């Protein structure tokens, strides 16, 4: 099967929710290296989101491809995600081990994404790879992968490159301080702090429980144990919490809260708040307008101005629970 994802036929030449929108994190030509003014906001960040339909990508034929993890460039011209073209089906068909890291591009944020392509080697050389997250400069990628047989738990890897136009170098495993064993480590999210430092947020799980964790990144050589501070657990509810996504100012944390039977849970998008980045997240609430209560909904990436949330949902998967990518936007503020 060809590793190509095509855009939905229902999509039109201008992407929904971007009409007359001027993004203030650099010009289109500036790309990810252009300066971002976090104070410039073009929407009411307290307003509810509106889910834009249909999904950003369409599947070919009758098979519902699965997607895990979303990361975008700061100018929203490049999107990265994990993709399985032939996921497992309830009748036993499909395969859980076809995951590749993909990228799609567009010329401006007002347009639709073109066809997605696999990231160039040596990325995508392991047994399974998904859940990508990139730093703001797009020179570092962290993702979950299996580098062996089907009995190997997913662990976190990273790779680097000198510029966003170049391929990534060879992936390297993060140290055991992060890839704690036994268990799996997935859903990484790279967050750039206001002081320009970085944190890695991720999920560590066992057969009994999965918890959100974060660790301060001390240097960019992520394969060394000295590159990370001690991981801290971030417990927000009594249920399983996955797919952490932080706002640019670090004051909002979006996550997916799993509820129901462990073998077939529902997952809903929640949001937690804090007043400074030095404090813990305290208040939390369900983002009800984003959720289909009978399906899986997971946050993926929030635009730097807080106006658009890209998220994963199985709402159109016809019972297969395969995830596709959607966008939700907030009401634009008056000029």
C-alpha atoms as a PDB file:
ATOM      1  CA  UNK A   1       0.000   0.000   0.000  1.00  0.00           C
ATOM      2  CA  UNK A   2       1.357   3.415  -0.959  1.00  0.00           C
ATOM      3  CA  UNK A   3       2.500   5.647   1.904  1.00  0.00           C
ATOM      4  CA  UNK A   4       0.456   8.658   0.757  1.00  0.00           C
ATOM      5  CA  UNK A   5      -2.408  10.419   2.504  1.00  0.00           C
ATOM      6  CA  UNK A   6      -4.660  12.620   0.402  1.00  0.00           C
ATOM      7  CA  UNK A   7      -6.709  15.583   1.547  1.00  0.00           C
ATOM      8  CA  UNK A   8     -10.459  15.153   1.945  1.00  0.00           C
ATOM      9  CA  UNK A   9     -12.497  15.713  -1.170  1.00  0.00           C
ATOM     10  CA  UNK A  10     -14.876  17.859   0.838  1.00  0.00           C
ATOM     11  CA  UNK A  11     -12.099  20.327   1.643  1.00  0.00           C
ATOM     12  CA  UNK A  12     -11.994  23.512  -0.368  1.00  0.00           C
ATOM     13  CA  UNK A  13      -9.156  25.775  -1.462  1.00  0.00           C
ATOM     14  CA  UNK A  14      -9.262  27.903   1.677  1.00  0.00           C
ATOM     15  CA  UNK A  15      -9.095  26.193   5.030  1.00  0.00           C
ATOM     16  CA  UNK A  16     -11.999  26.758   7.368  1.00  0.00           C
ATOM     17  CA  UNK A  17     -11.598  29.295  10.166  1.00  0.00           C
ATOM     18  CA  UNK A  18      -8.651  31.151   8.624  1.00  0.00           C
ATOM     19  CA  UNK A  19     -10.547  33.794   6.631  1.00  0.00           C
ATOM     20  CA  UNK A  20      -8.845  37.200   6.928  1.00  0.00           C
ATOM     21  CA  UNK A  21      -6.617  35.844   9.698  1.00  0.00           C
ATOM     22  CA  UNK A  22      -3.179  37.382  10.127  1.00  0.00           C
ATOM     23  CA  UNK A  23      -0.875  35.081  12.045  1.00  0.00           C
ATOM     24  CA  UNK A  24       1.540  37.049  14.212  1.00  0.00           C
ATOM     25  CA  UNK A  25       4.286  34.453  14.669  1.00  0.00           C
ATOM     26  CA  UNK A  26       6.366  35.486  11.704  1.00  0.00           C
ATOM     27  CA  UNK A  27       5.580  35.983   8.033  1.00  0.00           C
ATOM     28  CA  UNK A  28       4.859  33.000   5.819  1.00  0.00           C
ATOM     29  CA  UNK A  29       8.295  33.313   4.239  1.00  0.00           C
ATOM     30  CA  UNK A  30       9.877  33.470   7.681  1.00  0.00           C
ATOM     31  CA  UNK A  31       8.883  29.908   8.501  1.00  0.00           C
ATOM     32  CA  UNK A  32       9.638  28.414  11.896  1.00  0.00           C
ATOM     33  CA  UNK A  33      12.681  30.650  12.359  1.00  0.00           C
ATOM     34  CA  UNK A  34      10.617  33.853  12.265  1.00  0.00           C
ATOM     35  CA  UNK A  35      10.070  35.580  15.625  1.00  0.00           C
ATOM     36  CA  UNK A  36       6.869  34.871  17.498  1.00  0.00           C
ATOM     37  CA  UNK A  37       5.240  37.645  19.486  1.00  0.00           C
ATOM     38  CA  UNK A  38       3.298  35.731  22.134  1.00  0.00           C
ATOM     39  CA  UNK A  39       1.413  38.904  23.088  1.00  0.00           C
ATOM     40  CA  UNK A  40      -0.318  39.181  19.700  1.00  0.00           C
ATOM     41  CA  UNK A  41      -3.665  37.380  19.832  1.00  0.00           C
ATOM     42  CA  UNK A  42      -6.258  37.315  17.079  1.00  0.00           C
ATOM     43  CA  UNK A  43      -9.084  35.604  18.945  1.00  0.00           C
ATOM     44  CA  UNK A  44     -10.855  35.559  22.273  1.00  0.00           C
ATOM     45  CA  UNK A  45      -8.828  32.910  24.111  1.00  0.00           C
ATOM     46  CA  UNK A  46     -11.620  32.532  26.676  1.00  0.00           C
ATOM     47  CA  UNK A  47     -14.161  31.653  23.971  1.00  0.00           C
ATOM     48  CA  UNK A  48     -15.168  28.057  23.270  1.00  0.00           C
ATOM     49  CA  UNK A  49     -13.744  26.212  20.289  1.00  0.00           C
ATOM     50  CA  UNK A  50     -15.717  25.434  17.155  1.00  0.00           C
ATOM     51  CA  UNK A  51     -14.870  22.081  15.571  1.00  0.00           C
ATOM     52  CA  UNK A  52     -14.190  22.366  11.863  1.00  0.00           C
ATOM     53  CA  UNK A  53     -15.438  19.463   9.746  1.00  0.00           C
ATOM     54  CA  UNK A  54     -14.520  17.369   7.740  1.00  0.00           C
ATOM     55  CA  UNK A  55     -11.155  16.026   8.991  1.00  0.00           C
ATOM     56  CA  UNK A  56      -7.975  17.476   7.520  1.00  0.00           C
ATOM     57  CA  UNK A  57      -7.041  14.222   5.776  1.00  0.00           C
ATOM     58  CA  UNK A  58      -9.177  11.646   3.970  1.00  0.00           C
ATOM     59  CA  UNK A  59      -8.601   7.921   3.761  1.00  0.00           C
ATOM     60  CA  UNK A  60      -8.383   6.059   0.488  1.00  0.00           C
ATOM     61  CA  UNK A  61     -10.911   3.311  -0.074  1.00  0.00           C
ATOM     62  CA  UNK A  62     -12.853   1.748   2.779  1.00  0.00           C
ATOM     63  CA  UNK A  63      -9.955   1.349   5.217  1.00  0.00           C
ATOM     64  CA  UNK A  64      -9.870   3.886   8.042  1.00  0.00           C
ATOM     65  CA  UNK A  65      -6.203   4.708   8.578  1.00  0.00           C
ATOM     66  CA  UNK A  66      -5.082   5.487  12.123  1.00  0.00           C
ATOM     67  CA  UNK A  67      -3.092   8.527  13.259  1.00  0.00           C
ATOM     68  CA  UNK A  68      -1.270   9.184  16.535  1.00  0.00           C
ATOM     69  CA  UNK A  69       0.436  12.413  17.592  1.00  0.00           C
ATOM     70  CA  UNK A  70       0.348  15.838  15.940  1.00  0.00           C
ATOM     71  CA  UNK A  71       3.009  18.537  15.761  1.00  0.00           C
ATOM     72  CA  UNK A  72       3.041  21.654  13.571  1.00  0.00           C
ATOM     73  CA  UNK A  73       5.556  24.304  12.638  1.00  0.00           C
ATOM     74  CA  UNK A  74       4.983  27.636  14.394  1.00  0.00           C
ATOM     75  CA  UNK A  75       3.649  29.137  11.158  1.00  0.00           C
ATOM     76  CA  UNK A  76       1.291  26.158  10.677  1.00  0.00           C
ATOM     77  CA  UNK A  77       2.626  25.378   7.198  1.00  0.00           C
ATOM     78  CA  UNK A  78       3.988  21.928   8.117  1.00  0.00           C
ATOM     79  CA  UNK A  79       2.232  19.182  10.037  1.00  0.00           C
ATOM     80  CA  UNK A  80       3.834  15.997  11.379  1.00  0.00           C
ATOM     81  CA  UNK A  81       1.971  12.916  12.610  1.00  0.00           C
ATOM     82  CA  UNK A  82       2.187   9.165  13.020  1.00  0.00           C
ATOM     83  CA  UNK A  83       0.201   7.128  10.468  1.00  0.00           C
ATOM     84  CA  UNK A  84      -0.837   3.508  10.120  1.00  0.00           C
ATOM     85  CA  UNK A  85      -2.538   2.848   6.748  1.00  0.00           C
ATOM     86  CA  UNK A  86      -3.868  -0.574   7.801  1.00  0.00           C
ATOM     87  CA  UNK A  87      -4.746  -0.550  11.521  1.00  0.00           C
ATOM     88  CA  UNK A  88      -6.149  -3.537  13.429  1.00  0.00           C
ATOM     89  CA  UNK A  89      -9.848  -4.179  12.932  1.00  0.00           C
ATOM     90  CA  UNK A  90     -12.420  -5.720  15.301  1.00  0.00           C
ATOM     91  CA  UNK A  91     -12.561  -8.814  13.064  1.00  0.00           C
ATOM     92  CA  UNK A  92      -8.811  -9.358  13.443  1.00  0.00           C
ATOM     93  CA  UNK A  93      -7.734  -7.832  10.146  1.00  0.00           C
ATOM     94  CA  UNK A  94      -5.094  -5.159   9.684  1.00  0.00           C
ATOM     95  CA  UNK A  95      -1.769  -4.771  11.427  1.00  0.00           C
ATOM     96  CA  UNK A  96      -0.622  -2.687  14.440  1.00  0.00           C
ATOM     97  CA  UNK A  97       2.973  -2.452  13.210  1.00  0.00           C
ATOM     98  CA  UNK A  98       2.831  -0.313  10.048  1.00  0.00           C
ATOM     99  CA  UNK A  99       3.292   3.045  11.778  1.00  0.00           C
ATOM    100  CA  UNK A 100       5.384   5.702   9.992  1.00  0.00           C
ATOM    101  CA  UNK A 101       6.137   9.354  10.751  1.00  0.00           C
ATOM    102  CA  UNK A 102       4.599  11.577   8.101  1.00  0.00           C
ATOM    103  CA  UNK A 103       4.756  15.248   7.080  1.00  0.00           C
ATOM    104  CA  UNK A 104       2.418  17.351   4.942  1.00  0.00           C
ATOM    105  CA  UNK A 105       2.912  20.956   3.835  1.00  0.00           C
ATOM    106  CA  UNK A 106       0.999  23.943   2.513  1.00  0.00           C
ATOM    107  CA  UNK A 107       2.107  27.328   1.204  1.00  0.00           C
ATOM    108  CA  UNK A 108       0.073  29.435   3.643  1.00  0.00           C
ATOM    109  CA  UNK A 109      -1.971  28.722   6.790  1.00  0.00           C
ATOM    110  CA  UNK A 110      -5.095  29.707   4.840  1.00  0.00           C
ATOM    111  CA  UNK A 111      -4.750  26.701   2.510  1.00  0.00           C
ATOM    112  CA  UNK A 112      -5.294  22.973   2.875  1.00  0.00           C
ATOM    113  CA  UNK A 113      -2.427  20.568   3.407  1.00  0.00           C
ATOM    114  CA  UNK A 114      -1.132  18.631   0.438  1.00  0.00           C
ATOM    115  CA  UNK A 115      -0.393  14.923   0.379  1.00  0.00           C
ATOM    116  CA  UNK A 116       1.549  13.600   3.353  1.00  0.00           C
ATOM    117  CA  UNK A 117       4.849  11.800   2.786  1.00  0.00           C
ATOM    118  CA  UNK A 118       7.011   9.673   5.108  1.00  0.00           C
ATOM    119  CA  UNK A 119       9.937  11.462   6.749  1.00  0.00           C
ATOM    120  CA  UNK A 120      13.175  10.632   4.982  1.00  0.00           C
ATOM    121  CA  UNK A 121      15.554   7.925   6.269  1.00  0.00           C
ATOM    122  CA  UNK A 122      17.060   7.215   8.702  1.00  0.00           C
ATOM    123  CA  UNK A 123      13.754   8.130  10.387  1.00  0.00           C
ATOM    124  CA  UNK A 124      11.122   5.418   9.890  1.00  0.00           C
ATOM    125  CA  UNK A 125      13.755   2.705  10.018  1.00  0.00           C
ATOM    126  CA  UNK A 126      12.529   1.126  13.268  1.00  0.00           C
ATOM    127  CA  UNK A 127       9.798  -1.433  13.728  1.00  0.00           C
ATOM    128  CA  UNK A 128       7.112   1.106  14.636  1.00  0.00           C
ATOM    129  CA  UNK A 129       7.189   4.874  15.104  1.00  0.00           C
ATOM    130  CA  UNK A 130       4.471   7.377  16.036  1.00  0.00           C
ATOM    131  CA  UNK A 131       3.572  10.239  18.450  1.00  0.00           C
ATOM    132  CA  UNK A 132       5.990  12.860  17.000  1.00  0.00           C
ATOM    133  CA  UNK A 133       6.667  16.186  18.712  1.00  0.00           C
ATOM    134  CA  UNK A 134       9.063  18.876  17.465  1.00  0.00           C
ATOM    135  CA  UNK A 135      10.642  21.881  19.103  1.00  0.00           C
ATOM    136  CA  UNK A 136       9.790  25.376  17.885  1.00  0.00           C
ATOM    137  CA  UNK A 137      12.802  25.467  15.534  1.00  0.00           C
ATOM    138  CA  UNK A 138      11.908  22.050  14.030  1.00  0.00           C
ATOM    139  CA  UNK A 139      15.480  20.860  14.538  1.00  0.00           C
ATOM    140  CA  UNK A 140      14.645  18.267  17.206  1.00  0.00           C
ATOM    141  CA  UNK A 141      12.030  15.515  17.033  1.00  0.00           C
ATOM    142  CA  UNK A 142      11.006  13.152  19.840  1.00  0.00           C
ATOM    143  CA  UNK A 143       8.758  10.187  19.110  1.00  0.00           C
ATOM    144  CA  UNK A 144       7.665   6.798  20.432  1.00  0.00           C
ATOM    145  CA  UNK A 145       8.955   3.662  18.723  1.00  0.00           C
ATOM    146  CA  UNK A 146       9.571  -0.035  18.995  1.00  0.00           C
ATOM    147  CA  UNK A 147      12.985  -1.040  17.725  1.00  0.00           C
ATOM    148  CA  UNK A 148      12.438  -4.773  17.928  1.00  0.00           C
ATOM    149  CA  UNK A 149       9.748  -7.445  17.698  1.00  0.00           C
ATOM    150  CA  UNK A 150       6.104  -7.290  18.594  1.00  0.00           C
ATOM    151  CA  UNK A 151       6.764  -7.988  22.279  1.00  0.00           C
ATOM    152  CA  UNK A 152       8.869  -4.851  22.768  1.00  0.00           C
ATOM    153  CA  UNK A 153       7.255  -1.968  24.679  1.00  0.00           C
ATOM    154  CA  UNK A 154       7.256   1.482  23.059  1.00  0.00           C
ATOM    155  CA  UNK A 155      10.014   3.805  24.239  1.00  0.00           C
ATOM    156  CA  UNK A 156      11.012   7.378  23.411  1.00  0.00           C
ATOM    157  CA  UNK A 157      13.637   8.285  20.805  1.00  0.00           C
ATOM    158  CA  UNK A 158      14.932  11.567  19.425  1.00  0.00           C
ATOM    159  CA  UNK A 159      16.745  12.843  16.351  1.00  0.00           C
ATOM    160  CA  UNK A 160      18.264  16.163  15.327  1.00  0.00           C
ATOM    161  CA  UNK A 161      18.962  18.185  12.181  1.00  0.00           C
ATOM    162  CA  UNK A 162      20.562  21.558  11.457  1.00  0.00           C
ATOM    163  CA  UNK A 163      17.574  23.102   9.644  1.00  0.00           C
ATOM    164  CA  UNK A 164      13.926  22.295   8.978  1.00  0.00           C
ATOM    165  CA  UNK A 165      14.700  21.759   5.278  1.00  0.00           C
ATOM    166  CA  UNK A 166      17.116  18.897   6.028  1.00  0.00           C
ATOM    167  CA  UNK A 167      16.458  15.250   6.933  1.00  0.00           C
ATOM    168  CA  UNK A 168      16.860  14.154  10.530  1.00  0.00           C
ATOM    169  CA  UNK A 169      19.929  12.241  11.634  1.00  0.00           C
ATOM    170  CA  UNK A 170      19.882   8.743  13.153  1.00  0.00           C
ATOM    171  CA  UNK A 171      17.388   8.287  16.006  1.00  0.00           C
ATOM    172  CA  UNK A 172      18.776   7.672  19.476  1.00  0.00           C
ATOM    173  CA  UNK A 173      16.997   6.223  22.491  1.00  0.00           C
ATOM    174  CA  UNK A 174      16.347   8.526  25.441  1.00  0.00           C
ATOM    175  CA  UNK A 175      18.037   7.410  28.683  1.00  0.00           C
ATOM    176  CA  UNK A 176      16.518   4.994  31.204  1.00  0.00           C
ATOM    177  CA  UNK A 177      15.729   7.959  33.467  1.00  0.00           C
ATOM    178  CA  UNK A 178      12.944   8.763  30.967  1.00  0.00           C
ATOM    179  CA  UNK A 179      12.380   5.330  29.409  1.00  0.00           C
ATOM    180  CA  UNK A 180      11.642   3.699  32.720  1.00  0.00           C
ATOM    181  CA  UNK A 181      11.404  -0.073  32.632  1.00  0.00           C
ATOM    182  CA  UNK A 182       9.140  -1.983  33.047  1.00  0.00           C
ATOM    183  CA  UNK A 183       6.452  -0.187  31.125  1.00  0.00           C
ATOM    184  CA  UNK A 184       5.942   1.898  28.024  1.00  0.00           C
ATOM    185  CA  UNK A 185       6.700   5.571  27.356  1.00  0.00           C
ATOM    186  CA  UNK A 186       4.617   7.431  24.770  1.00  0.00           C
ATOM    187  CA  UNK A 187       2.872  10.737  23.909  1.00  0.00           C
ATOM    188  CA  UNK A 188       5.902  13.070  24.146  1.00  0.00           C
ATOM    189  CA  UNK A 189       5.406  16.839  24.011  1.00  0.00           C
ATOM    190  CA  UNK A 190       8.310  19.296  23.793  1.00  0.00           C
ATOM    191  CA  UNK A 191       7.540  22.552  25.567  1.00  0.00           C
ATOM    192  CA  UNK A 192       9.683  25.699  25.305  1.00  0.00           C
ATOM    193  CA  UNK A 193       9.646  27.606  28.590  1.00  0.00           C
ATOM    194  CA  UNK A 194       9.455  31.418  28.827  1.00  0.00           C
ATOM    195  CA  UNK A 195      13.166  31.435  29.772  1.00  0.00           C
ATOM    196  CA  UNK A 196      13.914  29.537  26.499  1.00  0.00           C
ATOM    197  CA  UNK A 197      14.568  26.305  28.358  1.00  0.00           C
ATOM    198  CA  UNK A 198      12.706  23.127  27.413  1.00  0.00           C
ATOM    199  CA  UNK A 199      10.629  20.491  29.155  1.00  0.00           C
ATOM    200  CA  UNK A 200       9.657  17.043  27.965  1.00  0.00           C
ATOM    201  CA  UNK A 201       6.139  15.977  28.872  1.00  0.00           C
ATOM    202  CA  UNK A 202       5.189  12.354  28.248  1.00  0.00           C
ATOM    203  CA  UNK A 203       3.172   9.368  29.460  1.00  0.00           C
ATOM    204  CA  UNK A 204       4.655   6.452  31.373  1.00  0.00           C
ATOM    205  CA  UNK A 205       2.429   3.420  31.656  1.00  0.00           C
ATOM    206  CA  UNK A 206       2.262  -0.128  32.895  1.00  0.00           C
ATOM    207  CA  UNK A 207      -0.428  -2.765  32.605  1.00  0.00           C
ATOM    208  CA  UNK A 208      -2.139  -1.172  35.622  1.00  0.00           C
ATOM    209  CA  UNK A 209      -1.853   2.599  35.243  1.00  0.00           C
ATOM    210  CA  UNK A 210      -0.616   5.405  32.974  1.00  0.00           C
ATOM    211  CA  UNK A 211       0.552   8.753  34.334  1.00  0.00           C
ATOM    212  CA  UNK A 212       1.609  12.109  32.924  1.00  0.00           C
ATOM    213  CA  UNK A 213       5.229  13.056  33.592  1.00  0.00           C
ATOM    214  CA  UNK A 214       7.487  16.013  32.869  1.00  0.00           C
ATOM    215  CA  UNK A 215      11.243  16.511  32.999  1.00  0.00           C
ATOM    216  CA  UNK A 216      13.394  19.609  32.506  1.00  0.00           C
ATOM    217  CA  UNK A 217      15.754  19.272  29.519  1.00  0.00           C
ATOM    218  CA  UNK A 218      19.214  20.380  30.631  1.00  0.00           C
ATOM    219  CA  UNK A 219      20.972  20.100  27.255  1.00  0.00           C
ATOM    220  CA  UNK A 220      20.134  18.987  23.733  1.00  0.00           C
ATOM    221  CA  UNK A 221      22.091  15.714  23.779  1.00  0.00           C
ATOM    222  CA  UNK A 222      19.032  13.785  24.857  1.00  0.00           C
ATOM    223  CA  UNK A 223      20.574  10.326  24.857  1.00  0.00           C
ATOM    224  CA  UNK A 224      22.696  11.161  27.927  1.00  0.00           C
ATOM    225  CA  UNK A 225      21.230  10.725  31.446  1.00  0.00           C
ATOM    226  CA  UNK A 226      22.638  14.145  32.410  1.00  0.00           C
ATOM    227  CA  UNK A 227      20.374  15.771  29.802  1.00  0.00           C
ATOM    228  CA  UNK A 228      17.268  15.551  32.000  1.00  0.00           C
ATOM    229  CA  UNK A 229      16.172  16.595  35.430  1.00  0.00           C
ATOM    230  CA  UNK A 230      14.275  14.115  37.608  1.00  0.00           C
ATOM    231  CA  UNK A 231      10.889  13.195  36.086  1.00  0.00           C
ATOM    232  CA  UNK A 232       7.878  14.488  38.022  1.00  0.00           C
ATOM    233  CA  UNK A 233       4.417  12.963  37.958  1.00  0.00           C
ATOM    234  CA  UNK A 234       1.585  15.336  37.078  1.00  0.00           C
ATOM    235  CA  UNK A 235      -1.642  13.803  38.376  1.00  0.00           C
ATOM    236  CA  UNK A 236      -4.723  15.799  37.446  1.00  0.00           C
ATOM    237  CA  UNK A 237      -7.572  13.286  37.850  1.00  0.00           C
ATOM    238  CA  UNK A 238      -8.095   9.762  39.153  1.00  0.00           C
ATOM    239  CA  UNK A 239      -8.324   8.367  35.610  1.00  0.00           C
ATOM    240  CA  UNK A 240      -5.731   7.609  32.944  1.00  0.00           C
ATOM    241  CA  UNK A 241      -4.417  10.810  31.343  1.00  0.00           C
ATOM    242  CA  UNK A 242      -2.563  10.881  28.017  1.00  0.00           C
ATOM    243  CA  UNK A 243      -1.486  13.202  25.148  1.00  0.00           C
ATOM    244  CA  UNK A 244      -0.356  16.335  27.061  1.00  0.00           C
ATOM    245  CA  UNK A 245      -0.372  19.620  25.102  1.00  0.00           C
ATOM    246  CA  UNK A 246       0.700  22.957  26.620  1.00  0.00           C
ATOM    247  CA  UNK A 247      -0.139  26.498  25.562  1.00  0.00           C
ATOM    248  CA  UNK A 248       2.745  28.761  24.518  1.00  0.00           C
ATOM    249  CA  UNK A 249       2.667  30.608  27.850  1.00  0.00           C
ATOM    250  CA  UNK A 250       2.562  27.323  29.774  1.00  0.00           C
ATOM    251  CA  UNK A 251      -0.576  28.294  31.709  1.00  0.00           C
ATOM    252  CA  UNK A 252      -2.950  25.840  30.024  1.00  0.00           C
ATOM    253  CA  UNK A 253      -2.510  22.080  29.758  1.00  0.00           C
ATOM    254  CA  UNK A 254      -4.747  20.065  27.458  1.00  0.00           C
ATOM    255  CA  UNK A 255      -4.906  16.306  27.918  1.00  0.00           C
ATOM    256  CA  UNK A 256      -7.092  13.320  27.146  1.00  0.00           C
ATOM    257  CA  UNK A 257      -8.845  11.666  30.062  1.00  0.00           C
ATOM    258  CA  UNK A 258      -9.770   8.012  29.549  1.00  0.00           C
ATOM    259  CA  UNK A 259     -12.911   6.712  31.243  1.00  0.00           C
ATOM    260  CA  UNK A 260     -14.844   3.458  31.055  1.00  0.00           C
ATOM    261  CA  UNK A 261     -13.723  -0.153  30.547  1.00  0.00           C
ATOM    262  CA  UNK A 262      -9.954  -0.521  30.212  1.00  0.00           C
ATOM    263  CA  UNK A 263     -10.316  -2.608  27.048  1.00  0.00           C
ATOM    264  CA  UNK A 264     -12.625  -0.082  25.343  1.00  0.00           C
ATOM    265  CA  UNK A 265     -12.446   3.294  27.115  1.00  0.00           C
ATOM    266  CA  UNK A 266     -13.813   6.599  25.958  1.00  0.00           C
ATOM    267  CA  UNK A 267     -11.341   9.475  25.877  1.00  0.00           C
ATOM    268  CA  UNK A 268     -12.314  13.115  26.258  1.00  0.00           C
ATOM    269  CA  UNK A 269     -10.287  16.316  26.013  1.00  0.00           C
ATOM    270  CA  UNK A 270      -9.806  18.198  29.276  1.00  0.00           C
ATOM    271  CA  UNK A 271      -7.984  21.416  30.158  1.00  0.00           C
ATOM    272  CA  UNK A 272      -6.126  22.432  33.322  1.00  0.00           C
ATOM    273  CA  UNK A 273      -5.043  25.934  34.380  1.00  0.00           C
ATOM    274  CA  UNK A 274      -2.368  27.593  36.502  1.00  0.00           C
ATOM    275  CA  UNK A 275      -1.425  31.233  37.116  1.00  0.00           C
ATOM    276  CA  UNK A 276       2.371  30.939  36.679  1.00  0.00           C
ATOM    277  CA  UNK A 277       4.687  28.288  35.203  1.00  0.00           C
ATOM    278  CA  UNK A 278       6.262  27.824  38.645  1.00  0.00           C
ATOM    279  CA  UNK A 279       2.983  26.565  40.081  1.00  0.00           C
ATOM    280  CA  UNK A 280       1.177  23.241  39.622  1.00  0.00           C
ATOM    281  CA  UNK A 281      -1.946  22.928  37.512  1.00  0.00           C
ATOM    282  CA  UNK A 282      -4.931  23.161  39.842  1.00  0.00           C
ATOM    283  CA  UNK A 283      -8.257  23.968  38.190  1.00  0.00           C
ATOM    284  CA  UNK A 284      -9.391  21.616  35.437  1.00  0.00           C
ATOM    285  CA  UNK A 285     -12.446  21.257  33.236  1.00  0.00           C
ATOM    286  CA  UNK A 286     -13.713  19.184  30.341  1.00  0.00           C
ATOM    287  CA  UNK A 287     -13.576  20.969  26.968  1.00  0.00           C
ATOM    288  CA  UNK A 288     -17.081  19.782  26.185  1.00  0.00           C
ATOM    289  CA  UNK A 289     -17.389  21.369  22.744  1.00  0.00           C
ATOM    290  CA  UNK A 290     -14.543  19.188  21.414  1.00  0.00           C
ATOM    291  CA  UNK A 291     -15.767  15.812  22.601  1.00  0.00           C
ATOM    292  CA  UNK A 292     -17.884  13.086  21.103  1.00  0.00           C
ATOM    293  CA  UNK A 293     -18.703  11.255  24.312  1.00  0.00           C
ATOM    294  CA  UNK A 294     -18.883   7.804  22.704  1.00  0.00           C
ATOM    295  CA  UNK A 295     -15.555   8.072  20.877  1.00  0.00           C
ATOM    296  CA  UNK A 296     -11.860   8.852  21.371  1.00  0.00           C
ATOM    297  CA  UNK A 297     -10.818  12.522  21.371  1.00  0.00           C
ATOM    298  CA  UNK A 298      -7.205  13.533  22.026  1.00  0.00           C
ATOM    299  CA  UNK A 299      -5.502  16.969  21.841  1.00  0.00           C
ATOM    300  CA  UNK A 300      -2.533  17.233  19.500  1.00  0.00           C
ATOM    301  CA  UNK A 301      -1.172  20.783  19.065  1.00  0.00           C
ATOM    302  CA  UNK A 302      -2.269  24.290  20.092  1.00  0.00           C
ATOM    303  CA  UNK A 303      -1.313  27.288  17.965  1.00  0.00           C
ATOM    304  CA  UNK A 304       1.032  29.778  19.681  1.00  0.00           C
ATOM    305  CA  UNK A 305      -1.740  32.399  19.838  1.00  0.00           C
ATOM    306  CA  UNK A 306      -4.122  29.886  21.437  1.00  0.00           C
ATOM    307  CA  UNK A 307      -6.697  30.290  18.672  1.00  0.00           C
ATOM    308  CA  UNK A 308      -6.580  26.858  16.992  1.00  0.00           C
ATOM    309  CA  UNK A 309      -6.373  23.371  18.425  1.00  0.00           C
ATOM    310  CA  UNK A 310      -5.493  20.447  16.185  1.00  0.00           C
ATOM    311  CA  UNK A 311      -6.794  17.219  17.687  1.00  0.00           C
ATOM    312  CA  UNK A 312      -7.376  13.532  16.978  1.00  0.00           C
ATOM    313  CA  UNK A 313     -10.799  11.910  16.983  1.00  0.00           C
ATOM    314  CA  UNK A 314     -12.455   8.645  16.011  1.00  0.00           C
ATOM    315  CA  UNK A 315     -15.846  10.323  15.466  1.00  0.00           C
ATOM    316  CA  UNK A 316     -15.923   9.437  11.747  1.00  0.00           C
ATOM    317  CA  UNK A 317     -14.200   6.047  12.005  1.00  0.00           C
ATOM    318  CA  UNK A 318     -17.374   3.969  11.597  1.00  0.00           C
ATOM    319  CA  UNK A 319     -16.774   1.971  14.756  1.00  0.00           C
ATOM    320  CA  UNK A 320     -13.095   1.147  14.119  1.00  0.00           C
ATOM    321  CA  UNK A 321     -11.791   3.800  16.555  1.00  0.00           C
ATOM    322  CA  UNK A 322      -9.127   4.846  14.057  1.00  0.00           C
ATOM    323  CA  UNK A 323      -8.118   8.474  14.679  1.00  0.00           C
ATOM    324  CA  UNK A 324      -8.147  11.280  12.124  1.00  0.00           C
ATOM    325  CA  UNK A 325      -6.965  14.892  12.462  1.00  0.00           C
ATOM    326  CA  UNK A 326      -9.388  17.766  13.026  1.00  0.00           C
ATOM    327  CA  UNK A 327      -9.006  21.464  13.706  1.00  0.00           C
ATOM    328  CA  UNK A 328     -11.040  23.625  16.065  1.00  0.00           C
ATOM    329  CA  UNK A 329     -10.810  27.399  16.251  1.00  0.00           C
ATOM    330  CA  UNK A 330     -11.952  30.127  18.583  1.00  0.00           C
ATOM    331  CA  UNK A 331     -13.956  33.202  17.696  1.00  0.00           C
ATOM    332  CA  UNK A 332     -11.732  35.935  16.272  1.00  0.00           C
ATOM    333  CA  UNK A 333     -11.523  39.157  18.246  1.00  0.00           C
ATOM    334  CA  UNK A 334     -12.699  42.468  16.802  1.00  0.00           C
ATOM    335  CA  UNK A 335     -10.049  44.597  15.017  1.00  0.00           C
END
